[in-house]
């Protein structure tokens, strides 16, 4: 792979790439960022839980605030790397601001495909198709790859699907931004290559397979065994996400009273090493302020380490031979593993989080079940269409009903539209819709 192709600001359009648009005040990659931040799916992240259910008092992160923070860190990583790449390759005229804009835009939308209730929502959608007796009837209407798509719902693939939409106000992002977003450049039906982080999950559904192939070929992503290597800048987007969820979740755990001040302070101090100044820290009267200061310094430290490691690995990244998380190979990797272990034990398995996940399973399973059955009966088994199915179908958004009523739509595509609707709901919307359909009084 080469930087000239990887950073070419062409926009994606099904069938062929579009020429880059000229912009005097904004680069094409900055336009990507602006298009994402004003999009409906991005704005809906404000009512999607990151880890904790939204508390009545105090601040914890939702998907929107998390995404904004990840985009900020990604911009710093991209600019650090871009500045050095421009010095190493003066003939390519690499612009550090452009590299930062690509990574920040890709990071801004990295969670855009996540359903309500986080990972519990992903598992609830998958479990419905895997285990629900009614869903087993759908199996005979599609091939193996399509069925596996449904039984292994993946937020990254759903995000790519949203970004690639052509109808209505499609975002039509640049190909480098779309490629940097694509953390797992493989379809679900391809066996992952052992040891490669990018092969751990999949990044696009069968409905977007052709589009991803076109995207990968247009900027020269290297092919593997039925998949591709990552765009090098994807590693910076991933690092930004890792940095934020390691440190911000730890801070949220402290703010929620799940992790003590002393443990939180000592873990962040360990990241800072010789830069930790306890006497200076004690000048802040509030322990929350102290943790906030340590978190800011720790983020800067990790940005530096990840930027340096990326530049050290530049050749391996371009050759596709490096395929690990940058945060797993930087000097602070061992401390981050300790933070991750603590977060699993004290935060992700805490009662507030487990309670929210239990609610997510109930709500998402119920919604997927009712909407899928209504669509199946109306479109593919009209002799079994009940009055209730008709009412449920009418509850779908107008755009979804329009798509479902197109000629020659198959059941796989129809169920993908149902999943679009349910996964696109906010936590509150999903809960209200669930209570309405199942006759549970609203409080």
Protein backbone atom coordinates (compact mmCIF):
# COMPACT_ATOMS: atom_id res chain seq x y z
CA UNK A 1 0.00 0.00 0.00
CA UNK A 2 1.16 3.57 -0.53
CA UNK A 3 0.17 6.86 1.09
CA UNK A 4 -0.70 8.57 -2.18
CA UNK A 5 -3.57 6.16 -2.82
CA UNK A 6 -4.50 5.75 0.83
CA UNK A 7 -5.00 9.51 1.28
CA UNK A 8 -6.65 10.23 -2.08
CA UNK A 9 -9.73 12.38 -1.23
CA UNK A 10 -12.18 10.77 -3.64
CA UNK A 11 -15.77 10.34 -2.51
CA UNK A 12 -17.59 7.05 -2.64
CA UNK A 13 -20.48 6.47 -4.98
CA UNK A 14 -21.87 3.04 -5.78
CA UNK A 15 -20.48 1.91 -9.10
CA UNK A 16 -17.55 4.33 -9.26
CA UNK A 17 -15.71 6.77 -7.03
CA UNK A 18 -16.61 10.45 -7.30
CA UNK A 19 -14.03 13.15 -7.84
CA UNK A 20 -13.04 15.14 -4.79
CA UNK A 21 -14.99 18.35 -4.33
CA UNK A 22 -13.00 21.55 -4.27
CA UNK A 23 -13.30 23.47 -1.00
CA UNK A 24 -11.37 26.63 -0.28
CA UNK A 25 -12.13 26.83 3.44
CA UNK A 26 -12.59 23.17 4.29
CA UNK A 27 -10.74 20.12 3.05
CA UNK A 28 -12.75 17.17 1.80
CA UNK A 29 -11.92 15.31 4.99
CA UNK A 30 -13.12 18.21 7.15
CA UNK A 31 -16.33 18.14 5.14
CA UNK A 32 -16.65 14.45 6.11
CA UNK A 33 -16.49 15.43 9.79
CA UNK A 34 -19.15 18.11 9.34
CA UNK A 35 -21.46 15.78 7.42
CA UNK A 36 -21.24 13.18 10.16
CA UNK A 37 -21.79 15.57 13.06
CA UNK A 38 -24.98 16.96 11.49
CA UNK A 39 -26.35 13.54 10.54
CA UNK A 40 -29.37 11.97 12.23
CA UNK A 41 -27.66 8.70 13.28
CA UNK A 42 -24.87 10.64 14.99
CA UNK A 43 -27.19 12.94 16.90
CA UNK A 44 -29.12 9.93 18.19
CA UNK A 45 -26.04 8.79 20.08
CA UNK A 46 -26.87 11.38 22.75
CA UNK A 47 -29.47 8.98 24.18
CA UNK A 48 -27.52 5.75 23.82
CA UNK A 49 -25.74 4.52 26.91
CA UNK A 50 -21.96 4.08 26.84
CA UNK A 51 -21.56 1.94 29.98
CA UNK A 52 -23.78 3.26 32.75
CA UNK A 53 -27.50 3.93 32.56
CA UNK A 54 -27.96 7.70 32.63
CA UNK A 55 -27.99 8.70 36.33
CA UNK A 56 -30.25 11.29 37.89
CA UNK A 57 -27.25 13.15 39.29
CA UNK A 58 -23.71 13.63 38.07
CA UNK A 59 -22.13 13.14 34.66
CA UNK A 60 -21.23 9.90 32.97
CA UNK A 61 -20.59 9.29 29.30
CA UNK A 62 -23.14 8.45 26.67
CA UNK A 63 -22.27 7.36 23.15
CA UNK A 64 -22.28 10.95 21.89
CA UNK A 65 -19.86 12.39 24.45
CA UNK A 66 -17.64 9.33 24.10
CA UNK A 67 -17.56 9.71 20.30
CA UNK A 68 -16.66 13.40 20.53
CA UNK A 69 -13.82 12.63 22.91
CA UNK A 70 -12.53 9.79 20.73
CA UNK A 71 -12.61 12.13 17.71
CA UNK A 72 -10.56 14.70 19.62
CA UNK A 73 -7.92 12.16 20.59
CA UNK A 74 -7.90 10.72 17.06
CA UNK A 75 -7.29 14.19 15.61
CA UNK A 76 -4.23 14.65 17.83
CA UNK A 77 -2.91 11.22 16.88
CA UNK A 78 -3.48 11.89 13.18
CA UNK A 79 -1.79 15.28 13.24
CA UNK A 80 1.19 13.94 15.18
CA UNK A 81 1.65 11.15 12.67
CA UNK A 82 0.86 13.34 9.66
CA UNK A 83 3.48 15.90 10.62
CA UNK A 84 6.21 13.27 10.70
CA UNK A 85 4.97 11.54 7.53
CA UNK A 86 5.11 14.85 5.67
CA UNK A 87 8.78 15.15 6.66
CA UNK A 88 9.56 11.57 5.69
CA UNK A 89 7.79 11.80 2.33
CA UNK A 90 8.10 15.40 1.05
CA UNK A 91 7.38 14.30 -2.51
CA UNK A 92 3.86 13.14 -1.53
CA UNK A 93 2.80 16.48 -0.03
CA UNK A 94 1.11 14.83 2.95
CA UNK A 95 -0.84 17.38 4.96
CA UNK A 96 -0.84 16.78 8.73
CA UNK A 97 -4.20 18.55 9.08
CA UNK A 98 -5.74 16.24 6.49
CA UNK A 99 -4.47 13.14 8.28
CA UNK A 100 -5.94 14.46 11.52
CA UNK A 101 -9.23 15.21 9.78
CA UNK A 102 -9.48 11.66 8.41
CA UNK A 103 -8.83 10.04 11.77
CA UNK A 104 -11.17 12.40 13.65
CA UNK A 105 -14.01 11.91 11.13
CA UNK A 106 -13.64 8.12 11.22
CA UNK A 107 -13.49 8.18 15.03
CA UNK A 108 -16.51 10.47 15.27
CA UNK A 109 -18.72 7.78 13.74
CA UNK A 110 -17.02 4.68 15.15
CA UNK A 111 -20.06 3.86 17.36
CA UNK A 112 -22.75 5.04 14.96
CA UNK A 113 -24.00 1.50 14.31
CA UNK A 114 -24.39 0.51 17.96
CA UNK A 115 -27.95 -0.44 18.99
CA UNK A 116 -29.69 0.71 22.17
CA UNK A 117 -28.29 -0.76 25.42
CA UNK A 118 -24.79 -1.29 24.01
CA UNK A 119 -23.36 -4.78 23.70
CA UNK A 120 -26.43 -6.26 25.36
CA UNK A 121 -28.43 -4.87 22.44
CA UNK A 122 -26.10 -6.54 19.93
CA UNK A 123 -26.44 -9.87 21.72
CA UNK A 124 -30.22 -9.55 22.00
CA UNK A 125 -30.60 -9.06 18.23
CA UNK A 126 -28.28 -11.99 17.51
CA UNK A 127 -29.94 -14.27 20.06
CA UNK A 128 -33.40 -13.68 18.59
CA UNK A 129 -32.32 -15.06 15.21
CA UNK A 130 -30.23 -17.83 16.77
CA UNK A 131 -32.71 -19.17 19.30
CA UNK A 132 -36.24 -17.87 18.83
CA UNK A 133 -38.50 -20.61 17.44
CA UNK A 134 -40.40 -18.17 15.21
CA UNK A 135 -37.15 -16.91 13.66
CA UNK A 136 -36.11 -20.38 12.54
CA UNK A 137 -38.75 -20.24 9.83
CA UNK A 138 -36.80 -17.39 8.19
CA UNK A 139 -33.75 -19.62 7.66
CA UNK A 140 -35.02 -21.26 4.49
CA UNK A 141 -35.38 -17.92 2.70
CA UNK A 142 -31.67 -17.05 2.57
CA UNK A 143 -28.17 -18.41 2.02
CA UNK A 144 -25.68 -19.31 4.76
CA UNK A 145 -23.81 -15.99 4.70
CA UNK A 146 -27.01 -13.97 4.97
CA UNK A 147 -28.27 -16.07 7.86
CA UNK A 148 -24.94 -15.74 9.68
CA UNK A 149 -25.18 -11.95 9.24
CA UNK A 150 -28.45 -12.05 11.17
CA UNK A 151 -27.31 -14.43 13.90
CA UNK A 152 -24.11 -12.44 14.54
CA UNK A 153 -25.22 -8.83 14.61
CA UNK A 154 -22.18 -6.54 14.57
CA UNK A 155 -22.28 -2.83 15.38
CA UNK A 156 -19.26 -2.09 13.19
CA UNK A 157 -20.97 -3.61 10.16
CA UNK A 158 -24.19 -1.74 10.97
CA UNK A 159 -22.18 1.49 11.16
CA UNK A 160 -20.65 0.86 7.74
CA UNK A 161 -24.14 0.18 6.38
CA UNK A 162 -25.39 3.53 7.70
CA UNK A 163 -22.43 5.40 6.23
CA UNK A 164 -22.91 3.77 2.83
CA UNK A 165 -26.60 4.58 2.42
CA UNK A 166 -27.42 6.07 -0.94
CA UNK A 167 -31.06 6.98 -0.44
CA UNK A 168 -32.15 10.36 0.91
CA UNK A 169 -29.41 12.48 2.37
CA UNK A 170 -26.60 9.96 1.98
CA UNK A 171 -23.36 11.13 3.55
CA UNK A 172 -21.14 10.20 0.58
CA UNK A 173 -17.95 10.35 2.60
CA UNK A 174 -14.45 10.16 1.16
CA UNK A 175 -13.01 6.71 0.69
CA UNK A 176 -10.05 7.27 3.08
CA UNK A 177 -12.48 8.17 5.88
CA UNK A 178 -14.65 5.11 5.17
CA UNK A 179 -11.57 2.88 5.06
CA UNK A 180 -10.16 4.34 8.29
CA UNK A 181 -13.54 3.66 9.92
CA UNK A 182 -13.44 -0.02 8.86
CA UNK A 183 -11.89 -1.74 11.85
CA UNK A 184 -12.70 -5.26 10.61
CA UNK A 185 -12.36 -5.38 6.80
CA UNK A 186 -13.91 -8.80 6.26
CA UNK A 187 -17.38 -10.35 5.73
CA UNK A 188 -18.90 -12.68 8.30
CA UNK A 189 -18.59 -15.84 6.21
CA UNK A 190 -14.78 -15.67 5.89
CA UNK A 191 -12.75 -17.48 8.53
CA UNK A 192 -10.57 -14.99 10.39
CA UNK A 193 -6.80 -15.39 10.19
CA UNK A 194 -5.51 -16.35 13.62
CA UNK A 195 -3.47 -13.68 15.39
CA UNK A 196 -4.75 -10.75 13.34
CA UNK A 197 -6.76 -8.25 15.40
CA UNK A 198 -8.60 -7.03 12.29
CA UNK A 199 -9.99 -10.52 11.70
CA UNK A 200 -11.53 -10.91 15.16
CA UNK A 201 -14.95 -9.68 14.00
CA UNK A 202 -16.47 -8.63 10.69
CA UNK A 203 -17.07 -5.16 9.32
CA UNK A 204 -19.77 -5.29 6.64
CA UNK A 205 -22.92 -7.23 5.84
CA UNK A 206 -23.64 -9.09 2.61
CA UNK A 207 -25.67 -6.06 1.49
CA UNK A 208 -22.49 -3.93 1.53
CA UNK A 209 -19.98 -6.54 0.37
CA UNK A 210 -19.78 -5.25 -3.19
CA UNK A 211 -19.42 -1.67 -1.98
CA UNK A 212 -16.58 -2.56 0.37
CA UNK A 213 -14.80 -4.47 -2.40
CA UNK A 214 -15.05 -1.40 -4.62
CA UNK A 215 -13.79 0.82 -1.81
CA UNK A 216 -10.82 -1.42 -1.00
CA UNK A 217 -9.76 -1.75 -4.62
CA UNK A 218 -10.00 1.99 -5.27
CA UNK A 219 -7.30 2.89 -2.72
CA UNK A 220 -5.23 -0.28 -2.92
CA UNK A 221 -5.95 -2.10 0.34
CA UNK A 222 -4.04 -5.39 0.29
CA UNK A 223 -6.15 -8.51 -0.09
CA UNK A 224 -5.95 -11.44 2.31
CA UNK A 225 -7.85 -14.73 2.15
CA UNK A 226 -11.25 -13.36 1.21
CA UNK A 227 -10.74 -10.13 3.16
CA UNK A 228 -8.36 -7.16 3.31
CA UNK A 229 -5.78 -5.58 5.58
CA UNK A 230 -6.73 -2.43 7.44
CA UNK A 231 -6.08 1.08 6.22
CA UNK A 232 -3.08 2.14 8.37
CA UNK A 233 -4.99 5.06 9.88
CA UNK A 234 -7.55 2.61 11.30
CA UNK A 235 -4.96 1.74 13.93
CA UNK A 236 -4.98 5.35 15.12
CA UNK A 237 -8.80 5.41 15.25
CA UNK A 238 -8.73 2.19 17.28
CA UNK A 239 -6.06 3.62 19.59
CA UNK A 240 -8.14 6.75 20.22
CA UNK A 241 -11.12 4.58 21.17
CA UNK A 242 -8.96 2.41 23.42
CA UNK A 243 -7.43 5.42 25.18
CA UNK A 244 -10.83 6.93 25.88
CA UNK A 245 -12.60 3.85 27.11
CA UNK A 246 -9.65 2.82 29.32
CA UNK A 247 -9.40 6.22 30.99
CA UNK A 248 -12.91 7.65 30.72
CA UNK A 249 -14.59 4.47 31.94
CA UNK A 250 -12.13 4.40 34.84
CA UNK A 251 -13.00 8.01 35.68
CA UNK A 252 -16.73 7.26 35.39
CA UNK A 253 -16.26 4.28 37.70
CA UNK A 254 -14.62 6.59 40.23
CA UNK A 255 -17.36 9.21 39.88
CA UNK A 256 -20.03 6.53 40.41
CA UNK A 257 -18.32 5.32 43.59
CA UNK A 258 -17.35 1.93 42.17
CA UNK A 259 -13.58 2.49 42.30
CA UNK A 260 -11.78 4.33 45.09
CA UNK A 261 -9.91 7.58 44.62
CA UNK A 262 -6.64 5.96 45.71
CA UNK A 263 -6.85 3.12 43.16
CA UNK A 264 -7.87 5.48 40.35
CA UNK A 265 -5.10 7.94 41.21
CA UNK A 266 -2.41 5.26 41.43
CA UNK A 267 -3.33 3.69 38.07
CA UNK A 268 -3.22 7.02 36.29
CA UNK A 269 0.01 7.94 38.11
CA UNK A 270 1.53 4.67 36.86
CA UNK A 271 0.79 5.75 33.30
CA UNK A 272 2.50 9.09 33.86
CA UNK A 273 5.60 7.50 35.44
CA UNK A 274 8.19 10.19 36.12
CA UNK A 275 5.77 12.92 35.03
CA UNK A 276 3.53 12.30 38.04
CA UNK A 277 3.77 15.26 40.45
CA UNK A 278 1.86 14.45 43.66
CA UNK A 279 2.70 17.76 45.35
CA UNK A 280 1.28 19.70 42.42
CA UNK A 281 -1.78 17.47 42.32
CA UNK A 282 -2.53 18.15 45.99
CA UNK A 283 -3.00 21.85 45.20
CA UNK A 284 -6.44 20.97 43.80
CA UNK A 285 -8.99 20.89 46.66
CA UNK A 286 -11.43 18.46 45.00
CA UNK A 287 -10.50 14.82 44.42
CA UNK A 288 -12.66 14.87 41.28
CA UNK A 289 -10.54 17.74 39.95
CA UNK A 290 -7.40 15.77 40.74
CA UNK A 291 -8.62 12.75 38.82
CA UNK A 292 -9.63 15.02 35.93
CA UNK A 293 -6.13 16.51 35.81
CA UNK A 294 -4.49 13.07 35.93
CA UNK A 295 -6.79 11.79 33.19
CA UNK A 296 -5.89 14.71 30.90
CA UNK A 297 -2.16 14.15 31.46
CA UNK A 298 -2.53 10.40 30.94
CA UNK A 299 -4.34 10.92 27.63
CA UNK A 300 -1.49 13.15 26.42
CA UNK A 301 1.03 10.51 27.47
CA UNK A 302 -0.80 7.73 25.61
CA UNK A 303 -1.21 9.91 22.51
CA UNK A 304 2.55 10.38 22.45
CA UNK A 305 3.27 6.68 22.91
CA UNK A 306 0.77 5.56 20.24
CA UNK A 307 1.99 8.16 17.74
CA UNK A 308 5.59 7.08 18.23
CA UNK A 309 4.72 3.39 17.89
CA UNK A 310 2.74 4.00 14.69
CA UNK A 311 5.68 5.83 13.12
CA UNK A 312 8.06 3.11 14.24
CA UNK A 313 5.82 0.55 12.52
CA UNK A 314 5.11 2.56 9.35
CA UNK A 315 6.61 0.02 6.93
CA UNK A 316 4.88 -2.94 8.59
CA UNK A 317 1.57 -1.07 8.49
CA UNK A 318 1.92 -0.33 4.77
CA UNK A 319 2.93 -3.94 4.09
CA UNK A 320 0.00 -5.26 6.15
CA UNK A 321 2.24 -7.37 8.39
CA UNK A 322 1.42 -5.57 11.65
CA UNK A 323 -2.06 -6.38 12.97
CA UNK A 324 -2.39 -5.68 16.68
CA UNK A 325 -3.83 -2.85 18.73
CA UNK A 326 -1.26 -0.08 19.20
CA UNK A 327 -2.23 0.10 22.89
CA UNK A 328 -1.09 -3.53 23.24
CA UNK A 329 2.48 -2.76 22.15
CA UNK A 330 3.24 0.65 23.68
CA UNK A 331 5.31 1.08 26.91
CA UNK A 332 2.11 1.57 28.97
CA UNK A 333 0.48 -1.65 27.73
CA UNK A 334 0.81 -3.51 31.04
CA UNK A 335 -0.81 -0.68 33.03
CA UNK A 336 -3.68 -0.52 30.51
CA UNK A 337 -4.25 -4.26 30.98
CA UNK A 338 -4.56 -3.69 34.73
CA UNK A 339 -7.09 -0.91 34.12
CA UNK A 340 -9.03 -3.16 31.75
CA UNK A 341 -9.10 -6.02 34.27
CA UNK A 342 -10.30 -3.69 37.03
CA UNK A 343 -12.97 -2.20 34.77
CA UNK A 344 -14.37 -5.64 33.94
CA UNK A 345 -14.50 -6.66 37.59
CA UNK A 346 -15.74 -3.44 39.19
CA UNK A 347 -17.56 -1.52 36.43
CA UNK A 348 -18.87 -3.72 33.61
CA UNK A 349 -20.14 -6.34 36.09
CA UNK A 350 -21.60 -3.83 38.53
CA UNK A 351 -25.31 -4.04 39.36
CA UNK A 352 -26.31 -0.82 37.51
CA UNK A 353 -24.63 -2.06 34.33
CA UNK A 354 -25.96 -5.62 34.59
CA UNK A 355 -29.46 -4.27 35.26
CA UNK A 356 -29.30 -2.12 32.15
CA UNK A 357 -28.09 -5.10 30.09
CA UNK A 358 -30.94 -7.28 31.38
CA UNK A 359 -33.42 -4.59 30.34
CA UNK A 360 -31.73 -4.39 26.95
CA UNK A 361 -32.22 -8.10 26.28
CA UNK A 362 -35.89 -7.92 27.14
CA UNK A 363 -36.63 -4.75 25.16
CA UNK A 364 -34.61 -5.49 22.02
CA UNK A 365 -35.74 -9.13 21.80
CA UNK A 366 -39.37 -8.06 22.08
CA UNK A 367 -39.11 -5.35 19.44
CA UNK A 368 -37.21 -7.49 16.93
CA UNK A 369 -39.67 -10.34 17.44
CA UNK A 370 -42.81 -8.28 16.86
CA UNK A 371 -41.51 -6.22 13.92
CA UNK A 372 -39.91 -9.23 12.18
CA UNK A 373 -43.08 -11.29 12.47
CA UNK A 374 -45.25 -8.44 11.17
CA UNK A 375 -42.99 -7.88 8.14
CA UNK A 376 -42.69 -11.61 7.41
CA UNK A 377 -46.45 -12.16 7.50
CA UNK A 378 -47.27 -9.07 5.46
CA UNK A 379 -44.62 -9.51 2.78
CA UNK A 380 -44.02 -13.26 2.59
CA UNK A 381 -46.92 -15.12 4.29
CA UNK A 382 -50.01 -12.94 3.75
CA UNK A 383 -52.36 -15.84 4.55
CA UNK A 384 -51.11 -15.63 8.17
CA UNK A 385 -51.37 -11.86 8.46
CA UNK A 386 -53.18 -10.90 11.68
CA UNK A 387 -54.75 -7.58 12.59
CA UNK A 388 -51.99 -7.08 15.15
CA UNK A 389 -49.36 -7.54 12.43
CA UNK A 390 -50.97 -4.74 10.42
CA UNK A 391 -50.85 -2.39 13.41
CA UNK A 392 -47.22 -3.25 14.17
CA UNK A 393 -46.27 -2.69 10.52
CA UNK A 394 -47.86 0.77 10.61
CA UNK A 395 -45.63 1.66 13.58
CA UNK A 396 -42.54 1.41 11.37
CA UNK A 397 -41.03 4.70 10.10
CA UNK A 398 -42.32 5.85 6.72
CA UNK A 399 -38.96 5.42 5.04
CA UNK A 400 -38.70 1.84 6.27
CA UNK A 401 -42.21 1.02 5.05
CA UNK A 402 -41.38 2.51 1.66
CA UNK A 403 -38.24 0.35 1.38
CA UNK A 404 -40.10 -2.77 2.48
CA UNK A 405 -42.82 -2.30 -0.11
CA UNK A 406 -40.44 -2.20 -3.08
CA UNK A 407 -40.84 -4.99 -5.61
CA UNK A 408 -38.58 -8.04 -5.48
CA UNK A 409 -37.26 -7.38 -1.98
CA UNK A 410 -36.14 -10.66 -0.37
CA UNK A 411 -36.58 -11.63 3.26
CA UNK A 412 -32.92 -11.06 4.17
CA UNK A 413 -33.06 -7.47 2.93
CA UNK A 414 -36.42 -6.95 4.62
CA UNK A 415 -35.07 -8.15 7.96
CA UNK A 416 -32.02 -5.91 7.53
CA UNK A 417 -34.44 -2.97 7.31
CA UNK A 418 -36.19 -4.12 10.48
CA UNK A 419 -32.82 -4.29 12.23
CA UNK A 420 -32.00 -0.80 10.89
CA UNK A 421 -35.14 0.49 12.61
CA UNK A 422 -34.61 -1.22 15.96
CA UNK A 423 -30.84 -0.70 16.20
CA UNK A 424 -31.30 2.94 15.23
CA UNK A 425 -33.56 3.66 18.20
CA UNK A 426 -32.24 5.45 21.25
CA UNK A 427 -32.47 3.73 24.63
CA UNK A 428 -35.53 5.81 25.56
CA UNK A 429 -37.26 5.30 22.20
CA UNK A 430 -36.79 1.55 22.41
CA UNK A 431 -38.17 1.42 25.94
CA UNK A 432 -41.21 3.57 25.09
CA UNK A 433 -41.94 1.57 21.93
CA UNK A 434 -41.61 -1.69 23.86
CA UNK A 435 -44.01 -0.53 26.56
CA UNK A 436 -46.48 0.70 23.95
CA UNK A 437 -46.51 -2.53 21.96
CA UNK A 438 -46.66 -4.81 24.98
CA UNK A 439 -49.22 -2.72 26.85
CA UNK A 440 -46.97 -1.73 29.76
CA UNK A 441 -48.04 1.59 31.35
CA UNK A 442 -45.65 4.48 30.71
CA UNK A 443 -44.25 6.07 33.85
